[in-house]
């Protein structure tokens, strides 16, 4: 059974107030909503009007939807065996989406596998996009800004990815790395 919206709003407001270490008096001062009304909202005893909610979100400088959206799970487990890769280079390059892009977070995470000798060219990403690569196994040659870098197990690299960049497995075994792609807020 879905939680009634006014109960969810109350629970979210209480959580935000406690996380910020604010008293009801302080929230009342910030929002212009009475301490008594805030208490009723937090307990789920009151179904606040939209204008009251706007005062609260404006005073606390939060989004309106932050009081009504569903909670994200506290723990997310991704099982590698359950993932389907994006494949290129005739299946020699495989990118497994561990954590797909989330606009609230601004990044996505992949595991990439490249077979021996595989090369992969990446188109430039939008301005300001950054990549972080963390080597797991094998040996990777990365060319970015017309400069090549050779990465071994345990190495990591970060670069702005708004120009073409190239990946090549220079090991005689499969190369595996994790990549985090960060998208700045527009």
N, C-alpha and C. Protein backbone atom coordinates (compact mmCIF):
# COMPACT_ATOMS: atom_id res chain seq x y z
N UNK A 1 0.84 -1.18 0.00
CA UNK A 1 0.00 0.00 0.00
C UNK A 1 0.88 1.25 0.00
N UNK A 2 0.55 2.19 -0.84
CA UNK A 2 1.36 3.40 -0.97
C UNK A 2 1.08 4.36 0.19
N UNK A 3 2.14 4.96 0.69
CA UNK A 3 2.04 5.91 1.80
C UNK A 3 1.28 7.15 1.34
N UNK A 4 0.31 7.64 2.15
CA UNK A 4 -0.41 8.88 1.78
C UNK A 4 0.59 10.04 1.61
N UNK A 5 0.30 10.91 0.65
CA UNK A 5 1.24 11.98 0.30
C UNK A 5 1.57 12.87 1.49
N UNK A 6 0.58 13.20 2.33
CA UNK A 6 0.86 14.10 3.45
C UNK A 6 1.76 13.42 4.50
N UNK A 7 1.67 12.10 4.61
CA UNK A 7 2.56 11.37 5.53
C UNK A 7 4.00 11.38 4.97
N UNK A 8 4.11 11.17 3.65
CA UNK A 8 5.43 11.18 3.01
C UNK A 8 6.07 12.56 3.15
N UNK A 9 5.30 13.63 2.91
CA UNK A 9 5.82 15.00 3.04
C UNK A 9 6.31 15.23 4.46
N UNK A 10 5.51 14.80 5.45
CA UNK A 10 5.90 14.98 6.85
C UNK A 10 7.18 14.25 7.19
N UNK A 11 7.29 13.00 6.74
CA UNK A 11 8.49 12.21 7.01
C UNK A 11 9.72 12.83 6.35
N UNK A 12 9.55 13.28 5.10
CA UNK A 12 10.67 13.90 4.37
C UNK A 12 11.11 15.19 5.05
N UNK A 13 10.13 16.02 5.44
CA UNK A 13 10.46 17.29 6.11
C UNK A 13 11.21 17.04 7.41
N UNK A 14 10.73 16.10 8.20
CA UNK A 14 11.40 15.76 9.46
C UNK A 14 12.83 15.30 9.19
N UNK A 15 13.00 14.46 8.19
CA UNK A 15 14.33 13.95 7.85
C UNK A 15 15.26 15.09 7.43
N UNK A 16 14.77 15.99 6.58
CA UNK A 16 15.59 17.13 6.13
C UNK A 16 15.98 18.01 7.32
N UNK A 17 15.00 18.29 8.18
CA UNK A 17 15.27 19.14 9.36
C UNK A 17 16.32 18.49 10.26
N UNK A 18 16.17 17.20 10.53
CA UNK A 18 17.13 16.52 11.41
C UNK A 18 18.51 16.42 10.77
N UNK A 19 18.55 16.13 9.46
CA UNK A 19 19.83 16.03 8.76
C UNK A 19 20.59 17.35 8.84
N UNK A 20 19.88 18.45 8.77
CA UNK A 20 20.51 19.77 8.84
C UNK A 20 20.71 20.26 10.27
N UNK A 21 20.23 19.51 11.24
CA UNK A 21 20.39 19.89 12.64
C UNK A 21 19.59 21.13 13.01
N UNK A 22 18.42 21.29 12.41
CA UNK A 22 17.59 22.47 12.65
C UNK A 22 16.47 22.15 13.63
N UNK A 23 16.13 23.13 14.47
CA UNK A 23 14.97 23.00 15.35
C UNK A 23 13.72 23.43 14.58
N UNK A 24 12.55 23.11 15.13
CA UNK A 24 11.31 23.59 14.52
C UNK A 24 11.28 25.11 14.48
N UNK A 25 11.79 25.75 15.56
CA UNK A 25 11.84 27.22 15.59
C UNK A 25 12.68 27.76 14.44
N UNK A 26 13.83 27.14 14.18
CA UNK A 26 14.70 27.61 13.10
C UNK A 26 14.04 27.43 11.74
N UNK A 27 13.36 26.32 11.52
CA UNK A 27 12.67 26.09 10.25
C UNK A 27 11.52 27.08 10.10
N UNK A 28 10.82 27.37 11.19
CA UNK A 28 9.74 28.35 11.14
C UNK A 28 10.28 29.72 10.74
N UNK A 29 11.44 30.08 11.29
CA UNK A 29 12.05 31.36 10.96
C UNK A 29 12.48 31.41 9.49
N UNK A 30 13.06 30.31 8.99
CA UNK A 30 13.52 30.26 7.60
C UNK A 30 12.37 30.28 6.59
N UNK A 31 11.24 29.67 6.97
CA UNK A 31 10.16 29.45 6.00
C UNK A 31 8.97 30.39 6.14
N UNK A 32 8.80 30.98 7.31
CA UNK A 32 7.60 31.79 7.53
C UNK A 32 6.37 30.94 7.82
N UNK A 33 6.57 29.65 8.06
CA UNK A 33 5.47 28.75 8.44
C UNK A 33 5.58 28.53 9.94
N UNK A 34 4.44 28.60 10.65
CA UNK A 34 4.46 28.51 12.10
C UNK A 34 5.04 27.18 12.59
N UNK A 35 5.64 27.24 13.78
CA UNK A 35 6.21 26.05 14.41
C UNK A 35 5.11 25.00 14.60
N UNK A 36 3.92 25.42 15.01
CA UNK A 36 2.81 24.49 15.23
C UNK A 36 2.44 23.77 13.92
N UNK A 37 2.35 24.53 12.83
CA UNK A 37 2.00 23.93 11.53
C UNK A 37 3.09 22.98 11.08
N UNK A 38 4.36 23.36 11.24
CA UNK A 38 5.47 22.48 10.86
C UNK A 38 5.41 21.17 11.64
N UNK A 39 5.13 21.26 12.93
CA UNK A 39 5.01 20.06 13.77
C UNK A 39 3.89 19.15 13.28
N UNK A 40 2.75 19.75 12.94
CA UNK A 40 1.61 18.97 12.44
C UNK A 40 1.97 18.28 11.11
N UNK A 41 2.67 19.01 10.26
CA UNK A 41 3.08 18.44 8.97
C UNK A 41 4.03 17.27 9.20
N UNK A 42 5.03 17.46 10.05
CA UNK A 42 6.01 16.40 10.32
C UNK A 42 5.36 15.14 10.89
N UNK A 43 4.35 15.31 11.74
CA UNK A 43 3.67 14.16 12.34
C UNK A 43 2.68 13.51 11.38
N UNK A 44 2.42 14.17 10.24
CA UNK A 44 1.44 13.65 9.30
C UNK A 44 0.01 13.95 9.71
N UNK A 45 -0.16 14.91 10.65
CA UNK A 45 -1.49 15.28 11.13
C UNK A 45 -2.15 16.33 10.25
N UNK A 46 -1.38 16.94 9.36
CA UNK A 46 -1.91 18.01 8.52
C UNK A 46 -1.57 17.74 7.07
N UNK A 47 -2.50 18.07 6.19
CA UNK A 47 -2.26 17.97 4.75
C UNK A 47 -2.03 19.40 4.26
N UNK A 48 -0.76 19.83 4.16
CA UNK A 48 -0.47 21.24 3.87
C UNK A 48 -0.91 21.66 2.46
N UNK A 49 -1.24 22.94 2.33
CA UNK A 49 -1.58 23.48 1.02
C UNK A 49 -0.32 23.63 0.19
N UNK A 50 -0.51 23.77 -1.11
CA UNK A 50 0.64 23.97 -2.00
C UNK A 50 1.39 25.24 -1.63
N UNK A 51 0.67 26.30 -1.25
CA UNK A 51 1.35 27.55 -0.90
C UNK A 51 2.21 27.37 0.36
N UNK A 52 1.75 26.57 1.32
CA UNK A 52 2.56 26.30 2.51
C UNK A 52 3.80 25.49 2.12
N UNK A 53 3.61 24.50 1.24
CA UNK A 53 4.76 23.71 0.79
C UNK A 53 5.78 24.57 0.06
N UNK A 54 5.31 25.52 -0.76
CA UNK A 54 6.23 26.41 -1.46
C UNK A 54 7.03 27.26 -0.48
N UNK A 55 6.39 27.72 0.59
CA UNK A 55 7.13 28.49 1.63
C UNK A 55 8.22 27.62 2.24
N UNK A 56 7.89 26.36 2.50
CA UNK A 56 8.86 25.45 3.12
C UNK A 56 10.03 25.19 2.18
N UNK A 57 9.74 24.83 0.92
CA UNK A 57 10.84 24.50 0.01
C UNK A 57 11.68 25.73 -0.33
N UNK A 58 11.04 26.90 -0.40
CA UNK A 58 11.80 28.13 -0.67
C UNK A 58 12.69 28.47 0.52
N UNK A 59 12.15 28.38 1.72
CA UNK A 59 12.92 28.70 2.92
C UNK A 59 14.08 27.76 3.15
N UNK A 60 13.86 26.47 2.84
CA UNK A 60 14.92 25.47 3.02
C UNK A 60 15.81 25.31 1.79
N UNK A 61 15.45 26.00 0.71
CA UNK A 61 16.19 25.95 -0.56
C UNK A 61 16.35 24.51 -1.05
N UNK A 62 15.19 23.86 -1.17
CA UNK A 62 15.14 22.50 -1.70
C UNK A 62 14.13 22.48 -2.84
N UNK A 63 14.13 21.42 -3.63
CA UNK A 63 13.16 21.32 -4.71
C UNK A 63 11.81 20.88 -4.15
N UNK A 64 10.77 21.28 -4.84
CA UNK A 64 9.41 20.89 -4.44
C UNK A 64 9.28 19.37 -4.43
N UNK A 65 9.82 18.73 -5.46
CA UNK A 65 9.68 17.27 -5.56
C UNK A 65 10.46 16.52 -4.48
N UNK A 66 11.44 17.17 -3.85
CA UNK A 66 12.20 16.47 -2.81
C UNK A 66 11.32 16.09 -1.63
N UNK A 67 10.16 16.76 -1.49
CA UNK A 67 9.24 16.42 -0.40
C UNK A 67 8.25 15.31 -0.79
N UNK A 68 8.18 14.97 -2.07
CA UNK A 68 7.17 13.98 -2.48
C UNK A 68 7.73 12.79 -3.24
N UNK A 69 8.98 12.88 -3.72
CA UNK A 69 9.51 11.77 -4.52
C UNK A 69 9.80 10.57 -3.63
N UNK A 70 9.80 9.41 -4.24
CA UNK A 70 10.10 8.18 -3.52
C UNK A 70 11.57 8.17 -3.10
N UNK A 71 11.82 7.54 -1.98
CA UNK A 71 13.19 7.43 -1.48
C UNK A 71 14.00 6.52 -2.39
N UNK A 72 15.27 6.90 -2.56
CA UNK A 72 16.19 6.00 -3.24
C UNK A 72 16.58 4.93 -2.24
N UNK A 73 16.80 3.72 -2.73
CA UNK A 73 17.24 2.68 -1.79
C UNK A 73 18.59 3.07 -1.18
N UNK A 74 18.80 2.72 0.07
CA UNK A 74 20.05 3.03 0.75
C UNK A 74 21.21 2.18 0.24
N UNK A 75 20.88 1.00 -0.28
CA UNK A 75 21.90 0.10 -0.81
C UNK A 75 21.40 -0.43 -2.15
N UNK A 76 22.24 -0.36 -3.16
CA UNK A 76 21.93 -0.92 -4.46
C UNK A 76 23.03 -1.92 -4.82
N UNK A 77 22.64 -3.16 -5.03
CA UNK A 77 23.61 -4.19 -5.41
C UNK A 77 23.42 -4.48 -6.90
N UNK A 78 24.50 -4.42 -7.64
CA UNK A 78 24.48 -4.73 -9.07
C UNK A 78 25.24 -6.04 -9.26
N UNK A 79 24.58 -7.03 -9.81
CA UNK A 79 25.21 -8.32 -10.06
C UNK A 79 25.73 -8.35 -11.49
N UNK A 80 27.03 -8.53 -11.62
CA UNK A 80 27.65 -8.56 -12.94
C UNK A 80 27.01 -9.57 -13.87
N UNK A 81 26.60 -10.70 -13.33
CA UNK A 81 25.99 -11.75 -14.15
C UNK A 81 24.66 -11.31 -14.74
N UNK A 82 24.03 -10.29 -14.16
CA UNK A 82 22.73 -9.82 -14.63
C UNK A 82 22.83 -8.71 -15.68
N UNK A 83 24.05 -8.24 -15.97
CA UNK A 83 24.22 -7.10 -16.87
C UNK A 83 24.37 -7.55 -18.32
N UNK A 84 23.83 -6.74 -19.21
CA UNK A 84 24.02 -6.95 -20.65
C UNK A 84 24.88 -5.81 -21.18
N UNK A 85 25.94 -6.14 -21.92
CA UNK A 85 26.85 -5.08 -22.36
C UNK A 85 26.37 -4.39 -23.64
N UNK A 86 26.87 -3.17 -23.83
CA UNK A 86 26.83 -2.52 -25.13
C UNK A 86 28.09 -3.01 -25.82
N UNK A 87 27.96 -3.52 -27.05
CA UNK A 87 29.12 -4.09 -27.73
C UNK A 87 29.47 -3.27 -28.96
N UNK A 88 30.76 -3.13 -29.19
CA UNK A 88 31.28 -2.49 -30.40
C UNK A 88 32.49 -3.30 -30.84
N UNK A 89 33.04 -2.89 -31.98
CA UNK A 89 34.23 -3.56 -32.54
C UNK A 89 33.98 -5.07 -32.65
N UNK A 90 32.84 -5.45 -33.22
CA UNK A 90 32.48 -6.86 -33.41
C UNK A 90 32.53 -7.65 -32.09
N UNK A 91 32.08 -7.03 -31.01
CA UNK A 91 32.02 -7.72 -29.72
C UNK A 91 33.34 -7.73 -28.97
N UNK A 92 34.39 -7.14 -29.54
CA UNK A 92 35.70 -7.11 -28.88
C UNK A 92 35.76 -6.05 -27.77
N UNK A 93 34.83 -5.09 -27.82
CA UNK A 93 34.74 -4.00 -26.83
C UNK A 93 33.35 -4.11 -26.20
N UNK A 94 33.31 -4.30 -24.87
CA UNK A 94 32.04 -4.46 -24.18
C UNK A 94 31.98 -3.52 -22.98
N UNK A 95 30.91 -2.72 -22.92
CA UNK A 95 30.71 -1.79 -21.81
C UNK A 95 29.46 -2.22 -21.05
N UNK A 96 29.65 -2.55 -19.77
CA UNK A 96 28.55 -3.00 -18.92
C UNK A 96 28.11 -1.84 -18.02
N UNK A 97 26.87 -1.38 -18.15
CA UNK A 97 26.41 -0.26 -17.31
C UNK A 97 26.14 -0.70 -15.87
N UNK A 98 27.05 -0.32 -14.97
CA UNK A 98 26.86 -0.65 -13.55
C UNK A 98 25.83 0.28 -12.91
N UNK A 99 26.04 1.58 -13.10
CA UNK A 99 25.12 2.59 -12.58
C UNK A 99 24.83 3.56 -13.72
N UNK A 100 23.67 3.41 -14.39
CA UNK A 100 23.34 4.30 -15.50
C UNK A 100 23.24 5.75 -15.03
N UNK A 101 23.27 6.65 -16.00
CA UNK A 101 23.23 8.08 -15.70
C UNK A 101 22.00 8.43 -14.87
N UNK A 102 22.22 9.26 -13.85
CA UNK A 102 21.16 9.78 -12.99
C UNK A 102 21.36 11.28 -12.92
N UNK A 103 20.40 12.09 -13.38
CA UNK A 103 20.60 13.54 -13.41
C UNK A 103 20.89 14.15 -12.04
N UNK A 104 20.34 13.56 -10.97
CA UNK A 104 20.61 14.09 -9.63
C UNK A 104 22.06 13.86 -9.21
N UNK A 105 22.67 12.82 -9.74
CA UNK A 105 24.05 12.50 -9.36
C UNK A 105 25.06 13.06 -10.35
N UNK A 106 24.70 13.10 -11.63
CA UNK A 106 25.58 13.70 -12.64
C UNK A 106 26.64 12.78 -13.21
N UNK A 107 26.53 11.47 -12.94
CA UNK A 107 27.55 10.57 -13.48
C UNK A 107 26.95 9.21 -13.80
N UNK A 108 27.75 8.41 -14.53
CA UNK A 108 27.41 7.02 -14.78
C UNK A 108 28.69 6.20 -14.65
N UNK A 109 28.53 4.89 -14.38
CA UNK A 109 29.68 4.02 -14.14
C UNK A 109 29.53 2.76 -14.99
N UNK A 110 30.63 2.38 -15.65
CA UNK A 110 30.65 1.18 -16.49
C UNK A 110 31.85 0.32 -16.13
N UNK A 111 31.73 -0.97 -16.41
CA UNK A 111 32.88 -1.85 -16.49
C UNK A 111 33.10 -2.08 -17.98
N UNK A 112 34.33 -1.90 -18.43
CA UNK A 112 34.65 -2.10 -19.84
C UNK A 112 35.63 -3.26 -19.97
N UNK A 113 35.34 -4.14 -20.94
CA UNK A 113 36.23 -5.25 -21.27
C UNK A 113 36.66 -5.10 -22.72
N UNK A 114 37.96 -5.25 -22.96
CA UNK A 114 38.50 -5.17 -24.31
C UNK A 114 39.36 -6.41 -24.55
N UNK A 115 39.10 -7.08 -25.66
CA UNK A 115 39.88 -8.25 -26.03
C UNK A 115 41.26 -7.82 -26.53
N UNK A 116 42.27 -8.72 -26.51
CA UNK A 116 43.61 -8.37 -26.96
C UNK A 116 43.60 -7.75 -28.35
N UNK A 117 44.35 -6.66 -28.51
CA UNK A 117 44.46 -5.98 -29.80
C UNK A 117 43.29 -5.08 -30.16
N UNK A 118 42.25 -5.08 -29.38
CA UNK A 118 41.06 -4.27 -29.68
C UNK A 118 41.38 -2.78 -29.53
N UNK A 119 40.91 -2.00 -30.51
CA UNK A 119 41.01 -0.53 -30.45
C UNK A 119 39.60 0.02 -30.52
N UNK A 120 39.37 1.11 -29.81
CA UNK A 120 38.05 1.74 -29.81
C UNK A 120 38.21 3.26 -29.80
N UNK A 121 37.58 3.91 -30.77
CA UNK A 121 37.60 5.37 -30.84
C UNK A 121 36.32 5.91 -30.22
N UNK A 122 36.45 6.90 -29.37
CA UNK A 122 35.28 7.52 -28.74
C UNK A 122 35.09 8.92 -29.30
N UNK A 123 33.88 9.22 -29.69
CA UNK A 123 33.55 10.56 -30.15
C UNK A 123 33.69 11.54 -28.99
N UNK A 124 33.93 12.81 -29.28
CA UNK A 124 33.97 13.79 -28.19
C UNK A 124 32.63 13.84 -27.47
N UNK A 125 32.70 13.94 -26.16
CA UNK A 125 31.49 14.13 -25.36
C UNK A 125 31.19 15.63 -25.31
N UNK A 126 30.09 16.00 -24.71
CA UNK A 126 29.74 17.41 -24.58
C UNK A 126 30.79 18.16 -23.76
N UNK A 127 30.84 19.46 -23.93
CA UNK A 127 31.81 20.29 -23.21
C UNK A 127 31.67 20.08 -21.71
N UNK A 128 32.81 19.93 -21.06
CA UNK A 128 32.83 19.78 -19.60
C UNK A 128 32.70 18.36 -19.10
N UNK A 129 32.38 17.41 -19.97
CA UNK A 129 32.26 16.02 -19.54
C UNK A 129 33.65 15.49 -19.20
N UNK A 130 33.75 14.76 -18.09
CA UNK A 130 35.02 14.21 -17.63
C UNK A 130 34.94 12.70 -17.55
N UNK A 131 36.06 12.04 -17.78
CA UNK A 131 36.13 10.58 -17.62
C UNK A 131 37.20 10.24 -16.59
N UNK A 132 36.88 9.23 -15.81
CA UNK A 132 37.81 8.67 -14.84
C UNK A 132 37.93 7.19 -15.19
N UNK A 133 39.14 6.70 -15.35
CA UNK A 133 39.37 5.30 -15.68
C UNK A 133 40.21 4.69 -14.56
N UNK A 134 39.75 3.52 -14.08
CA UNK A 134 40.43 2.80 -13.00
C UNK A 134 40.72 1.39 -13.52
N UNK A 135 42.00 1.09 -13.68
CA UNK A 135 42.40 -0.19 -14.29
C UNK A 135 42.20 -1.36 -13.32
N UNK A 136 41.63 -2.45 -13.86
CA UNK A 136 41.41 -3.66 -13.09
C UNK A 136 42.40 -4.75 -13.53
N UNK A 137 42.50 -4.95 -14.85
CA UNK A 137 43.43 -5.96 -15.36
C UNK A 137 43.85 -5.60 -16.78
N UNK A 138 44.97 -6.18 -17.20
CA UNK A 138 45.46 -5.94 -18.55
C UNK A 138 46.30 -4.68 -18.65
N UNK A 139 46.38 -4.14 -19.87
CA UNK A 139 47.18 -2.95 -20.12
C UNK A 139 46.45 -2.14 -21.19
N UNK A 140 46.22 -0.87 -20.91
CA UNK A 140 45.45 -0.01 -21.80
C UNK A 140 46.30 1.15 -22.27
N UNK A 141 46.24 1.40 -23.57
CA UNK A 141 46.84 2.62 -24.10
C UNK A 141 45.69 3.58 -24.39
N UNK A 142 45.73 4.73 -23.77
CA UNK A 142 44.70 5.76 -23.95
C UNK A 142 45.34 6.95 -24.63
N UNK A 143 44.75 7.39 -25.72
CA UNK A 143 45.23 8.58 -26.41
C UNK A 143 44.17 9.66 -26.25
N UNK A 144 44.59 10.78 -25.66
CA UNK A 144 43.70 11.91 -25.44
C UNK A 144 44.53 13.18 -25.61
N UNK A 145 43.97 14.17 -26.24
CA UNK A 145 44.69 15.42 -26.53
C UNK A 145 45.99 15.14 -27.27
N UNK A 146 45.94 14.14 -28.18
CA UNK A 146 47.07 13.74 -29.01
C UNK A 146 48.27 13.26 -28.20
N UNK A 147 48.03 12.86 -26.96
CA UNK A 147 49.09 12.30 -26.12
C UNK A 147 48.65 10.92 -25.67
N UNK A 148 49.58 9.95 -25.69
CA UNK A 148 49.24 8.58 -25.30
C UNK A 148 49.74 8.28 -23.89
N UNK A 149 48.92 7.53 -23.17
CA UNK A 149 49.23 7.12 -21.80
C UNK A 149 49.02 5.61 -21.72
N UNK A 150 49.98 4.90 -21.12
CA UNK A 150 49.85 3.46 -20.93
C UNK A 150 49.51 3.21 -19.47
N UNK A 151 48.41 2.48 -19.26
CA UNK A 151 47.91 2.22 -17.91
C UNK A 151 47.98 0.73 -17.61
N UNK A 152 48.49 0.41 -16.42
CA UNK A 152 48.60 -0.97 -15.95
C UNK A 152 47.61 -1.20 -14.81
N UNK A 153 47.53 -2.44 -14.36
CA UNK A 153 46.66 -2.82 -13.24
C UNK A 153 46.89 -1.86 -12.06
N UNK A 154 45.80 -1.33 -11.52
CA UNK A 154 45.88 -0.43 -10.38
C UNK A 154 46.05 1.03 -10.73
N UNK A 155 46.36 1.34 -12.00
CA UNK A 155 46.51 2.74 -12.42
C UNK A 155 45.14 3.39 -12.61
N UNK A 156 45.15 4.70 -12.60
CA UNK A 156 43.92 5.47 -12.84
C UNK A 156 44.29 6.73 -13.61
N UNK A 157 43.33 7.26 -14.35
CA UNK A 157 43.54 8.48 -15.12
C UNK A 157 42.23 9.25 -15.16
N UNK A 158 42.34 10.56 -15.25
CA UNK A 158 41.18 11.46 -15.36
C UNK A 158 41.47 12.43 -16.49
N UNK A 159 40.44 12.71 -17.32
CA UNK A 159 40.63 13.69 -18.39
C UNK A 159 39.29 14.29 -18.80
N UNK A 160 39.34 15.48 -19.38
CA UNK A 160 38.13 16.05 -19.97
C UNK A 160 37.95 15.36 -21.31
N UNK A 161 36.71 14.98 -21.59
CA UNK A 161 36.45 14.08 -22.72
C UNK A 161 35.69 14.77 -23.85
N UNK A 162 35.93 16.07 -24.02
CA UNK A 162 35.20 16.80 -25.05
C UNK A 162 35.97 16.87 -26.38
N UNK A 163 36.97 16.00 -26.52
CA UNK A 163 37.70 15.83 -27.78
C UNK A 163 37.76 14.34 -28.06
N UNK A 164 38.04 13.95 -29.31
CA UNK A 164 38.14 12.51 -29.58
C UNK A 164 39.20 11.87 -28.69
N UNK A 165 38.94 10.64 -28.28
CA UNK A 165 39.92 9.89 -27.48
C UNK A 165 39.83 8.43 -27.90
N UNK A 166 40.94 7.72 -27.71
CA UNK A 166 41.09 6.38 -28.26
C UNK A 166 41.61 5.43 -27.18
N UNK A 167 41.05 4.23 -27.19
CA UNK A 167 41.44 3.20 -26.24
C UNK A 167 42.00 2.02 -27.03
N UNK A 168 43.08 1.41 -26.54
CA UNK A 168 43.62 0.22 -27.18
C UNK A 168 44.14 -0.73 -26.11
N UNK A 169 43.72 -1.98 -26.22
CA UNK A 169 44.24 -3.02 -25.34
C UNK A 169 45.59 -3.44 -25.91
N UNK A 170 46.66 -3.15 -25.17
CA UNK A 170 48.01 -3.49 -25.63
C UNK A 170 48.56 -4.71 -24.88
N UNK A 171 47.69 -5.43 -24.17
CA UNK A 171 48.10 -6.66 -23.48
C UNK A 171 47.76 -7.85 -24.37
N UNK A 172 48.32 -9.00 -24.04
CA UNK A 172 47.96 -10.21 -24.79
C UNK A 172 46.83 -10.97 -24.09
N UNK A 173 46.21 -10.30 -23.13
CA UNK A 173 45.04 -10.85 -22.43
C UNK A 173 43.94 -9.79 -22.44
N UNK A 174 42.78 -10.17 -21.97
CA UNK A 174 41.67 -9.22 -21.88
C UNK A 174 42.03 -8.10 -20.91
N UNK A 175 41.70 -6.86 -21.28
CA UNK A 175 41.89 -5.70 -20.41
C UNK A 175 40.52 -5.31 -19.85
N UNK A 176 40.48 -5.05 -18.55
CA UNK A 176 39.25 -4.65 -17.88
C UNK A 176 39.51 -3.38 -17.09
N UNK A 177 38.60 -2.42 -17.21
CA UNK A 177 38.68 -1.20 -16.40
C UNK A 177 37.29 -0.70 -16.06
N UNK A 178 37.23 0.10 -15.02
CA UNK A 178 36.00 0.78 -14.63
C UNK A 178 36.12 2.21 -15.15
N UNK A 179 35.02 2.73 -15.66
CA UNK A 179 35.03 4.12 -16.11
C UNK A 179 33.85 4.85 -15.48
N UNK A 180 34.14 6.02 -14.99
CA UNK A 180 33.12 6.92 -14.44
C UNK A 180 33.07 8.10 -15.39
N UNK A 181 31.88 8.39 -15.89
CA UNK A 181 31.71 9.54 -16.78
C UNK A 181 30.87 10.56 -16.02
N UNK A 182 31.47 11.73 -15.81
CA UNK A 182 30.84 12.79 -15.06
C UNK A 182 30.31 13.86 -16.02
N UNK A 183 29.05 14.23 -15.83
CA UNK A 183 28.39 15.24 -16.64
C UNK A 183 28.11 16.45 -15.77
N UNK A 184 28.73 17.61 -16.05
CA UNK A 184 28.48 18.78 -15.20
C UNK A 184 27.04 19.26 -15.36
N UNK A 185 26.52 19.90 -14.32
CA UNK A 185 25.16 20.46 -14.40
C UNK A 185 25.13 21.52 -15.48
N UNK A 186 24.05 21.52 -16.25
CA UNK A 186 23.98 22.50 -17.35
C UNK A 186 23.52 23.84 -16.86
